[in-house]
């Protein structure tokens, strides 16, 4: 039984061959590939619905197989695992740090209050800057929302007192 690496190599080999074909030949191959993928996606969708009704543990067990997981992920039938929420909050803050540091400022995570609230503190020159509210709303809030849509409230604190409260709208 071939493993995932062997199967991917085989696909890559065919893609290399097709790359040398003229555009009309490649178009036929791509069309055939798309039709086969659509058929497989529909079959897998129906299979998943059926197995879910009969045995959810069996479905979870099947997805542990790297080939099954890879194919279901490719077809968009499962979502890749997300990093933990605190890790995503830190990634959002890391994303805005270079801009803040260019103005001798920074941001720190003060608290995460489950399920949907984050407290942050602007530090350095950002803490007293007249544009700090804009920095919070246009930079920090947008980054957190992009990484963590489940966070709805971001509170800026300064030496343990609340200086700004902002509701972040959740996109559907």
N, C-alpha and C. Protein backbone atom coordinates (compact mmCIF):
# COMPACT_ATOMS: atom_id res chain seq x y z
N UNK A 1 0.84 -1.17 0.00
CA UNK A 1 0.00 0.00 0.00
C UNK A 1 0.90 1.24 0.00
N UNK A 2 0.71 2.15 -0.97
CA UNK A 2 1.57 3.33 -1.05
C UNK A 2 1.28 4.31 0.09
N UNK A 3 2.33 5.02 0.52
CA UNK A 3 2.12 6.03 1.54
C UNK A 3 1.86 7.38 0.87
N UNK A 4 1.56 8.37 1.68
CA UNK A 4 1.22 9.70 1.15
C UNK A 4 2.36 10.28 0.32
N UNK A 5 3.58 10.14 0.76
CA UNK A 5 4.72 10.70 0.03
C UNK A 5 4.83 10.09 -1.36
N UNK A 6 4.65 8.78 -1.48
CA UNK A 6 4.71 8.12 -2.78
C UNK A 6 3.59 8.59 -3.70
N UNK A 7 2.40 8.75 -3.13
CA UNK A 7 1.26 9.20 -3.94
C UNK A 7 1.48 10.63 -4.44
N UNK A 8 2.01 11.49 -3.60
CA UNK A 8 2.28 12.87 -4.00
C UNK A 8 3.36 12.91 -5.08
N UNK A 9 4.39 12.07 -4.95
CA UNK A 9 5.43 12.00 -5.98
C UNK A 9 4.84 11.59 -7.32
N UNK A 10 3.94 10.64 -7.30
CA UNK A 10 3.30 10.17 -8.54
C UNK A 10 2.50 11.29 -9.19
N UNK A 11 1.75 12.02 -8.39
CA UNK A 11 0.98 13.15 -8.92
C UNK A 11 1.94 14.20 -9.50
N UNK A 12 3.01 14.50 -8.79
CA UNK A 12 3.99 15.48 -9.26
C UNK A 12 4.62 15.05 -10.57
N UNK A 13 4.85 13.75 -10.72
CA UNK A 13 5.43 13.23 -11.96
C UNK A 13 4.51 13.50 -13.15
N UNK A 14 3.21 13.27 -12.96
CA UNK A 14 2.25 13.53 -14.03
C UNK A 14 2.12 15.03 -14.30
N UNK A 15 2.15 15.84 -13.25
CA UNK A 15 2.07 17.29 -13.44
C UNK A 15 3.27 17.79 -14.25
N UNK A 16 4.44 17.22 -14.04
CA UNK A 16 5.64 17.61 -14.79
C UNK A 16 5.48 17.24 -16.27
N UNK A 17 4.91 16.09 -16.54
CA UNK A 17 4.69 15.67 -17.93
C UNK A 17 3.71 16.62 -18.61
N UNK A 18 2.62 16.92 -17.93
CA UNK A 18 1.58 17.79 -18.49
C UNK A 18 2.10 19.20 -18.72
N UNK A 19 3.03 19.64 -17.89
CA UNK A 19 3.56 21.00 -18.01
C UNK A 19 4.21 21.23 -19.38
N UNK A 20 4.69 20.18 -20.02
CA UNK A 20 5.34 20.30 -21.33
C UNK A 20 4.33 20.28 -22.49
N UNK A 21 3.08 20.00 -22.22
CA UNK A 21 2.07 19.93 -23.27
C UNK A 21 1.66 21.34 -23.70
N UNK A 22 1.06 21.42 -24.90
CA UNK A 22 0.55 22.72 -25.32
C UNK A 22 -0.72 23.05 -24.52
N UNK A 23 -1.13 24.30 -24.61
CA UNK A 23 -2.21 24.81 -23.76
C UNK A 23 -3.53 24.04 -23.93
N UNK A 24 -3.89 23.67 -25.13
CA UNK A 24 -5.16 22.97 -25.34
C UNK A 24 -5.12 21.57 -24.71
N UNK A 25 -3.97 20.90 -24.82
CA UNK A 25 -3.84 19.58 -24.19
C UNK A 25 -3.88 19.70 -22.67
N UNK A 26 -3.18 20.72 -22.14
CA UNK A 26 -3.21 20.93 -20.70
C UNK A 26 -4.63 21.24 -20.24
N UNK A 27 -5.37 22.01 -21.03
CA UNK A 27 -6.76 22.35 -20.69
C UNK A 27 -7.63 21.12 -20.56
N UNK A 28 -7.43 20.15 -21.45
CA UNK A 28 -8.18 18.89 -21.37
C UNK A 28 -7.82 18.14 -20.10
N UNK A 29 -6.53 18.06 -19.81
CA UNK A 29 -6.08 17.35 -18.60
C UNK A 29 -6.60 18.03 -17.33
N UNK A 30 -6.54 19.36 -17.31
CA UNK A 30 -7.02 20.09 -16.14
C UNK A 30 -8.54 19.92 -16.00
N UNK A 31 -9.26 19.95 -17.09
CA UNK A 31 -10.71 19.73 -17.05
C UNK A 31 -11.06 18.34 -16.53
N UNK A 32 -10.33 17.35 -16.99
CA UNK A 32 -10.54 15.98 -16.52
C UNK A 32 -10.25 15.89 -15.03
N UNK A 33 -9.14 16.49 -14.62
CA UNK A 33 -8.76 16.48 -13.20
C UNK A 33 -9.86 17.13 -12.36
N UNK A 34 -10.36 18.28 -12.79
CA UNK A 34 -11.40 18.99 -12.06
C UNK A 34 -12.67 18.15 -11.96
N UNK A 35 -13.06 17.49 -13.06
CA UNK A 35 -14.26 16.67 -13.04
C UNK A 35 -14.12 15.49 -12.08
N UNK A 36 -12.95 14.86 -12.08
CA UNK A 36 -12.70 13.75 -11.16
C UNK A 36 -12.71 14.24 -9.71
N UNK A 37 -12.08 15.39 -9.47
CA UNK A 37 -12.07 15.94 -8.12
C UNK A 37 -13.47 16.29 -7.64
N UNK A 38 -14.30 16.86 -8.53
CA UNK A 38 -15.67 17.19 -8.15
C UNK A 38 -16.46 15.92 -7.81
N UNK A 39 -16.26 14.87 -8.60
CA UNK A 39 -16.92 13.58 -8.32
C UNK A 39 -16.47 13.04 -6.97
N UNK A 40 -15.18 13.08 -6.72
CA UNK A 40 -14.65 12.57 -5.45
C UNK A 40 -15.15 13.40 -4.27
N UNK A 41 -15.19 14.71 -4.44
CA UNK A 41 -15.66 15.57 -3.35
C UNK A 41 -17.12 15.26 -3.02
N UNK A 42 -17.93 15.11 -4.01
CA UNK A 42 -19.35 14.79 -3.77
C UNK A 42 -19.49 13.42 -3.10
N UNK A 43 -18.74 12.44 -3.58
CA UNK A 43 -18.80 11.10 -2.98
C UNK A 43 -18.32 11.15 -1.53
N UNK A 44 -17.23 11.85 -1.27
CA UNK A 44 -16.71 11.95 0.10
C UNK A 44 -17.68 12.69 1.01
N UNK A 45 -18.32 13.74 0.49
CA UNK A 45 -19.31 14.48 1.29
C UNK A 45 -20.45 13.56 1.70
N UNK A 46 -20.94 12.78 0.76
CA UNK A 46 -22.04 11.85 1.08
C UNK A 46 -21.58 10.77 2.05
N UNK A 47 -20.36 10.27 1.86
CA UNK A 47 -19.82 9.25 2.74
C UNK A 47 -19.68 9.79 4.17
N UNK A 48 -19.17 10.99 4.30
CA UNK A 48 -19.00 11.60 5.62
C UNK A 48 -20.36 11.76 6.31
N UNK A 49 -21.36 12.25 5.58
CA UNK A 49 -22.71 12.40 6.17
C UNK A 49 -23.24 11.07 6.66
N UNK A 50 -23.05 10.04 5.88
CA UNK A 50 -23.53 8.71 6.26
C UNK A 50 -22.79 8.16 7.48
N UNK A 51 -21.47 8.26 7.45
CA UNK A 51 -20.68 7.74 8.57
C UNK A 51 -20.95 8.54 9.84
N UNK A 52 -21.14 9.84 9.72
CA UNK A 52 -21.46 10.68 10.88
C UNK A 52 -22.71 10.18 11.58
N UNK A 53 -23.72 9.81 10.80
CA UNK A 53 -24.97 9.33 11.38
C UNK A 53 -24.80 7.99 12.07
N UNK A 54 -23.92 7.16 11.55
CA UNK A 54 -23.74 5.81 12.08
C UNK A 54 -22.72 5.74 13.21
N UNK A 55 -21.57 6.40 13.02
CA UNK A 55 -20.50 6.26 14.00
C UNK A 55 -19.50 7.42 13.89
N UNK A 56 -19.73 8.42 14.69
CA UNK A 56 -18.81 9.56 14.70
C UNK A 56 -17.41 9.14 15.14
N UNK A 57 -17.25 8.25 16.13
CA UNK A 57 -15.90 7.80 16.48
C UNK A 57 -15.16 7.13 15.31
N UNK A 58 -15.88 6.39 14.49
CA UNK A 58 -15.24 5.75 13.33
C UNK A 58 -14.73 6.81 12.35
N UNK A 59 -15.50 7.88 12.19
CA UNK A 59 -15.08 8.96 11.30
C UNK A 59 -13.82 9.64 11.85
N UNK A 60 -13.83 9.93 13.16
CA UNK A 60 -12.64 10.54 13.78
C UNK A 60 -11.43 9.63 13.64
N UNK A 61 -11.62 8.34 13.78
CA UNK A 61 -10.53 7.39 13.63
C UNK A 61 -10.00 7.37 12.20
N UNK A 62 -10.89 7.42 11.22
CA UNK A 62 -10.49 7.39 9.81
C UNK A 62 -9.67 8.64 9.46
N UNK A 63 -10.03 9.78 10.03
CA UNK A 63 -9.34 11.04 9.72
C UNK A 63 -7.92 11.05 10.29
N UNK A 64 -7.62 10.16 11.21
CA UNK A 64 -6.26 10.07 11.75
C UNK A 64 -5.28 9.53 10.71
N UNK A 65 -5.78 8.85 9.69
CA UNK A 65 -4.93 8.35 8.61
C UNK A 65 -4.46 9.54 7.78
N UNK A 66 -3.16 9.64 7.50
CA UNK A 66 -2.61 10.80 6.81
C UNK A 66 -3.16 10.98 5.40
N UNK A 67 -3.44 9.89 4.70
CA UNK A 67 -3.97 10.01 3.35
C UNK A 67 -5.42 10.49 3.39
N UNK A 68 -6.22 9.90 4.27
CA UNK A 68 -7.62 10.32 4.41
C UNK A 68 -7.66 11.79 4.82
N UNK A 69 -6.86 12.15 5.81
CA UNK A 69 -6.82 13.53 6.28
C UNK A 69 -6.44 14.48 5.14
N UNK A 70 -5.38 14.14 4.41
CA UNK A 70 -4.91 14.99 3.32
C UNK A 70 -5.95 15.19 2.23
N UNK A 71 -6.65 14.13 1.87
CA UNK A 71 -7.66 14.23 0.80
C UNK A 71 -8.85 15.05 1.28
N UNK A 72 -9.30 14.81 2.51
CA UNK A 72 -10.44 15.57 3.03
C UNK A 72 -10.08 17.05 3.18
N UNK A 73 -8.87 17.32 3.60
CA UNK A 73 -8.40 18.70 3.73
C UNK A 73 -8.33 19.36 2.35
N UNK A 74 -7.79 18.65 1.37
CA UNK A 74 -7.68 19.16 0.00
C UNK A 74 -9.04 19.56 -0.55
N UNK A 75 -10.06 18.75 -0.26
CA UNK A 75 -11.40 19.02 -0.78
C UNK A 75 -12.19 19.98 0.11
N UNK A 76 -11.57 20.48 1.17
CA UNK A 76 -12.25 21.44 2.04
C UNK A 76 -13.33 20.81 2.90
N UNK A 77 -13.24 19.51 3.12
CA UNK A 77 -14.27 18.82 3.88
C UNK A 77 -13.97 18.78 5.38
N UNK A 78 -12.76 19.14 5.75
CA UNK A 78 -12.39 19.32 7.15
C UNK A 78 -11.56 20.58 7.24
N UNK A 79 -11.54 21.14 8.44
CA UNK A 79 -10.74 22.34 8.66
C UNK A 79 -9.43 21.94 9.32
N UNK A 80 -8.36 22.60 8.91
CA UNK A 80 -7.08 22.30 9.59
C UNK A 80 -7.18 22.76 11.04
N UNK A 81 -6.48 22.09 11.93
CA UNK A 81 -6.55 22.50 13.33
C UNK A 81 -5.95 23.90 13.51
N UNK A 82 -6.57 24.67 14.38
CA UNK A 82 -6.06 26.01 14.67
C UNK A 82 -5.19 25.95 15.91
N UNK A 83 -4.20 26.81 15.96
CA UNK A 83 -3.41 26.89 17.19
C UNK A 83 -4.32 27.33 18.34
N UNK A 84 -3.90 27.09 19.58
CA UNK A 84 -4.70 27.53 20.72
C UNK A 84 -4.95 29.04 20.68
N UNK A 85 -6.04 29.47 21.29
CA UNK A 85 -6.46 30.87 21.25
C UNK A 85 -5.37 31.82 21.77
N UNK A 86 -4.76 31.50 22.89
CA UNK A 86 -3.72 32.39 23.42
C UNK A 86 -2.56 32.54 22.44
N UNK A 87 -2.23 31.47 21.76
CA UNK A 87 -1.16 31.53 20.76
C UNK A 87 -1.56 32.44 19.60
N UNK A 88 -2.83 32.38 19.19
CA UNK A 88 -3.30 33.24 18.10
C UNK A 88 -3.37 34.71 18.54
N UNK A 89 -3.72 34.95 19.80
CA UNK A 89 -3.72 36.33 20.32
C UNK A 89 -2.30 36.89 20.27
N UNK A 90 -1.34 36.10 20.74
CA UNK A 90 0.07 36.54 20.72
C UNK A 90 0.54 36.78 19.28
N UNK A 91 0.12 35.93 18.35
CA UNK A 91 0.50 36.11 16.94
C UNK A 91 -0.06 37.43 16.41
N UNK A 92 -1.28 37.76 16.81
CA UNK A 92 -1.88 39.03 16.39
C UNK A 92 -1.08 40.21 16.93
N UNK A 93 -0.70 40.13 18.20
CA UNK A 93 0.08 41.21 18.80
C UNK A 93 1.46 41.30 18.16
N UNK A 94 2.06 40.15 17.86
CA UNK A 94 3.37 40.13 17.19
C UNK A 94 3.29 40.79 15.81
N UNK A 95 2.14 40.68 15.18
CA UNK A 95 1.95 41.26 13.85
C UNK A 95 2.01 42.80 13.89
N UNK A 96 1.50 43.40 14.96
CA UNK A 96 1.47 44.87 15.04
C UNK A 96 2.71 45.45 15.72
N UNK A 97 3.48 44.61 16.38
CA UNK A 97 4.65 45.11 17.14
C UNK A 97 5.65 45.89 16.30
N UNK A 98 6.00 45.45 15.09
CA UNK A 98 7.00 46.22 14.33
C UNK A 98 6.59 47.69 14.13
N UNK A 99 5.32 47.92 13.84
CA UNK A 99 4.85 49.30 13.67
C UNK A 99 4.92 50.09 14.96
N UNK A 100 4.56 49.44 16.07
CA UNK A 100 4.62 50.11 17.37
C UNK A 100 6.07 50.39 17.76
N UNK A 101 6.93 49.42 17.53
CA UNK A 101 8.35 49.58 17.91
C UNK A 101 9.03 50.66 17.07
N UNK A 102 8.54 50.88 15.87
CA UNK A 102 9.13 51.95 15.04
C UNK A 102 8.86 53.32 15.66
N UNK A 103 7.91 53.39 16.57
CA UNK A 103 7.60 54.63 17.30
C UNK A 103 7.98 54.49 18.79
N UNK A 104 8.90 53.59 19.09
CA UNK A 104 9.37 53.33 20.45
C UNK A 104 8.24 52.90 21.39
N UNK A 105 7.31 52.10 20.86
CA UNK A 105 6.21 51.60 21.67
C UNK A 105 6.11 50.10 21.56
N UNK A 106 5.12 49.57 22.25
CA UNK A 106 4.86 48.13 22.21
C UNK A 106 3.48 47.89 22.79
N UNK A 107 3.07 46.65 22.76
CA UNK A 107 1.79 46.24 23.35
C UNK A 107 2.05 44.94 24.09
N UNK A 108 1.35 44.79 25.22
CA UNK A 108 1.46 43.54 25.96
C UNK A 108 0.06 43.03 26.27
N UNK A 109 -0.05 41.72 26.31
CA UNK A 109 -1.30 41.08 26.71
C UNK A 109 -1.35 41.11 28.23
N UNK A 110 -2.36 41.76 28.77
CA UNK A 110 -2.53 41.84 30.22
C UNK A 110 -3.33 40.65 30.70
N UNK A 111 -4.44 40.35 30.00
CA UNK A 111 -5.30 39.23 30.43
C UNK A 111 -6.16 38.75 29.28
N UNK A 112 -6.47 37.48 29.32
CA UNK A 112 -7.50 36.90 28.47
C UNK A 112 -8.59 36.43 29.41
N UNK A 113 -9.78 36.95 29.21
CA UNK A 113 -10.91 36.61 30.05
C UNK A 113 -11.92 35.84 29.21
N UNK A 114 -11.87 34.51 29.32
CA UNK A 114 -12.78 33.69 28.50
C UNK A 114 -14.23 34.08 28.73
N UNK A 115 -15.05 34.00 27.71
CA UNK A 115 -14.71 33.38 26.44
C UNK A 115 -14.27 34.36 25.36
N UNK A 116 -14.44 35.70 25.59
CA UNK A 116 -14.32 36.60 24.44
C UNK A 116 -13.66 37.94 24.72
N UNK A 117 -12.94 38.08 25.83
CA UNK A 117 -12.40 39.39 26.19
C UNK A 117 -10.88 39.32 26.36
N UNK A 118 -10.22 40.35 25.82
CA UNK A 118 -8.78 40.48 25.92
C UNK A 118 -8.48 41.86 26.49
N UNK A 119 -7.55 41.92 27.43
CA UNK A 119 -7.05 43.19 27.94
C UNK A 119 -5.62 43.35 27.46
N UNK A 120 -5.32 44.51 26.90
CA UNK A 120 -3.97 44.80 26.42
C UNK A 120 -3.52 46.12 27.02
N UNK A 121 -2.22 46.32 27.04
CA UNK A 121 -1.63 47.57 27.52
C UNK A 121 -0.65 48.07 26.48
N UNK A 122 -0.83 49.33 26.09
CA UNK A 122 0.15 49.99 25.24
C UNK A 122 1.27 50.46 26.14
N UNK A 123 2.51 50.22 25.74
CA UNK A 123 3.65 50.61 26.56
C UNK A 123 4.62 51.43 25.74
N UNK A 124 5.56 52.04 26.44
CA UNK A 124 6.51 52.91 25.77
C UNK A 124 5.82 54.18 25.33
N UNK A 125 6.28 54.74 24.23
CA UNK A 125 5.72 56.01 23.76
C UNK A 125 4.26 55.87 23.33
N UNK A 126 3.81 54.66 23.05
CA UNK A 126 2.42 54.44 22.63
C UNK A 126 1.43 54.67 23.77
N UNK A 127 1.88 54.50 25.02
CA UNK A 127 0.96 54.61 26.14
C UNK A 127 0.45 56.03 26.34
N UNK A 128 1.24 57.04 25.98
CA UNK A 128 0.83 58.43 26.16
C UNK A 128 0.57 59.16 24.86
N UNK A 129 0.61 58.44 23.77
CA UNK A 129 0.47 59.06 22.45
C UNK A 129 -0.98 59.48 22.21
N UNK A 130 -1.18 60.67 21.62
CA UNK A 130 -2.54 61.11 21.30
C UNK A 130 -3.24 60.18 20.30
N UNK A 131 -2.47 59.44 19.52
CA UNK A 131 -3.06 58.55 18.53
C UNK A 131 -3.25 57.12 19.07
N UNK A 132 -3.12 56.93 20.39
CA UNK A 132 -3.20 55.58 20.95
C UNK A 132 -4.56 54.93 20.71
N UNK A 133 -5.64 55.71 20.74
CA UNK A 133 -6.96 55.14 20.47
C UNK A 133 -7.04 54.63 19.04
N UNK A 134 -6.45 55.37 18.12
CA UNK A 134 -6.41 54.95 16.72
C UNK A 134 -5.54 53.71 16.56
N UNK A 135 -4.41 53.70 17.25
CA UNK A 135 -3.52 52.53 17.21
C UNK A 135 -4.27 51.29 17.69
N UNK A 136 -5.03 51.48 18.77
CA UNK A 136 -5.80 50.36 19.32
C UNK A 136 -6.84 49.88 18.33
N UNK A 137 -7.64 50.81 17.80
CA UNK A 137 -8.75 50.39 16.94
C UNK A 137 -8.30 49.96 15.55
N UNK A 138 -7.36 50.68 14.96
CA UNK A 138 -6.96 50.38 13.59
C UNK A 138 -5.88 49.32 13.48
N UNK A 139 -5.11 49.15 14.51
CA UNK A 139 -4.02 48.18 14.44
C UNK A 139 -4.28 46.95 15.27
N UNK A 140 -4.33 47.13 16.56
CA UNK A 140 -4.40 45.99 17.48
C UNK A 140 -5.73 45.25 17.35
N UNK A 141 -6.84 45.98 17.38
CA UNK A 141 -8.15 45.31 17.28
C UNK A 141 -8.30 44.56 15.96
N UNK A 142 -7.89 45.18 14.88
CA UNK A 142 -8.02 44.52 13.57
C UNK A 142 -7.17 43.26 13.51
N UNK A 143 -5.97 43.31 14.07
CA UNK A 143 -5.11 42.12 14.05
C UNK A 143 -5.71 41.01 14.90
N UNK A 144 -6.19 41.36 16.09
CA UNK A 144 -6.79 40.33 16.96
C UNK A 144 -8.03 39.75 16.29
N UNK A 145 -8.85 40.60 15.70
CA UNK A 145 -10.07 40.12 15.03
C UNK A 145 -9.73 39.17 13.87
N UNK A 146 -8.68 39.50 13.13
CA UNK A 146 -8.29 38.65 12.00
C UNK A 146 -7.80 37.29 12.48
N UNK A 147 -7.06 37.25 13.57
CA UNK A 147 -6.53 35.99 14.09
C UNK A 147 -7.51 35.24 14.99
N UNK A 148 -8.41 35.98 15.64
CA UNK A 148 -9.28 35.40 16.67
C UNK A 148 -10.68 35.98 16.56
N UNK A 149 -11.46 35.57 15.59
CA UNK A 149 -12.79 36.17 15.43
C UNK A 149 -13.71 35.94 16.62
N UNK A 150 -13.37 34.99 17.49
CA UNK A 150 -14.20 34.74 18.66
C UNK A 150 -14.01 35.78 19.75
N UNK A 151 -12.97 36.60 19.65
CA UNK A 151 -12.76 37.69 20.60
C UNK A 151 -13.65 38.86 20.19
N UNK A 152 -14.55 39.28 21.09
CA UNK A 152 -15.48 40.36 20.78
C UNK A 152 -15.17 41.65 21.52
N UNK A 153 -14.42 41.56 22.61
CA UNK A 153 -14.14 42.75 23.41
C UNK A 153 -12.65 42.87 23.65
N UNK A 154 -12.13 44.05 23.34
CA UNK A 154 -10.72 44.33 23.58
C UNK A 154 -10.67 45.58 24.46
N UNK A 155 -10.04 45.45 25.59
CA UNK A 155 -9.97 46.54 26.55
C UNK A 155 -8.51 46.96 26.69
N UNK A 156 -8.27 48.25 26.53
CA UNK A 156 -6.92 48.79 26.75
C UNK A 156 -6.85 49.27 28.19
N UNK A 157 -5.87 48.78 28.91
CA UNK A 157 -5.69 49.19 30.31
C UNK A 157 -4.38 49.94 30.44
N UNK A 158 -4.33 50.83 31.40
CA UNK A 158 -3.12 51.60 31.67
C UNK A 158 -2.92 51.59 33.18
N UNK A 159 -1.90 50.88 33.62
CA UNK A 159 -1.63 50.75 35.05
C UNK A 159 -2.87 50.26 35.81
N UNK A 160 -3.50 49.25 35.28
CA UNK A 160 -4.63 48.56 35.88
C UNK A 160 -5.95 49.32 35.80
N UNK A 161 -5.98 50.51 35.20
CA UNK A 161 -7.26 51.20 35.05
C UNK A 161 -7.68 51.15 33.58
N UNK A 162 -8.95 51.02 33.34
CA UNK A 162 -9.45 50.94 31.98
C UNK A 162 -9.43 52.32 31.37
N UNK A 163 -8.78 52.45 30.21
CA UNK A 163 -8.71 53.75 29.54
C UNK A 163 -9.47 53.75 28.23
N UNK A 164 -9.83 52.60 27.76
CA UNK A 164 -10.56 52.54 26.49
C UNK A 164 -11.29 51.22 26.43
N UNK A 165 -12.50 51.22 25.97
CA UNK A 165 -13.25 49.98 25.82
C UNK A 165 -13.79 49.97 24.40
N UNK A 166 -13.62 48.87 23.76
CA UNK A 166 -14.01 48.80 22.37
C UNK A 166 -14.66 47.47 22.07
N UNK A 167 -15.76 47.49 21.39
CA UNK A 167 -16.42 46.26 20.94
C UNK A 167 -15.94 45.96 19.53
N UNK A 168 -15.57 44.74 19.28
CA UNK A 168 -15.12 44.34 17.96
C UNK A 168 -16.28 43.58 17.32
N UNK A 169 -16.71 44.04 16.17
CA UNK A 169 -17.82 43.37 15.49
C UNK A 169 -17.34 42.03 14.95
N UNK A 170 -18.20 41.04 15.01
CA UNK A 170 -17.88 39.72 14.50
C UNK A 170 -18.46 39.59 13.09
N UNK A 171 -17.59 39.23 12.18
CA UNK A 171 -18.03 39.00 10.80
C UNK A 171 -18.63 37.62 10.70
N UNK A 172 -19.70 37.51 9.93
CA UNK A 172 -20.33 36.19 9.76
C UNK A 172 -19.53 35.32 8.85
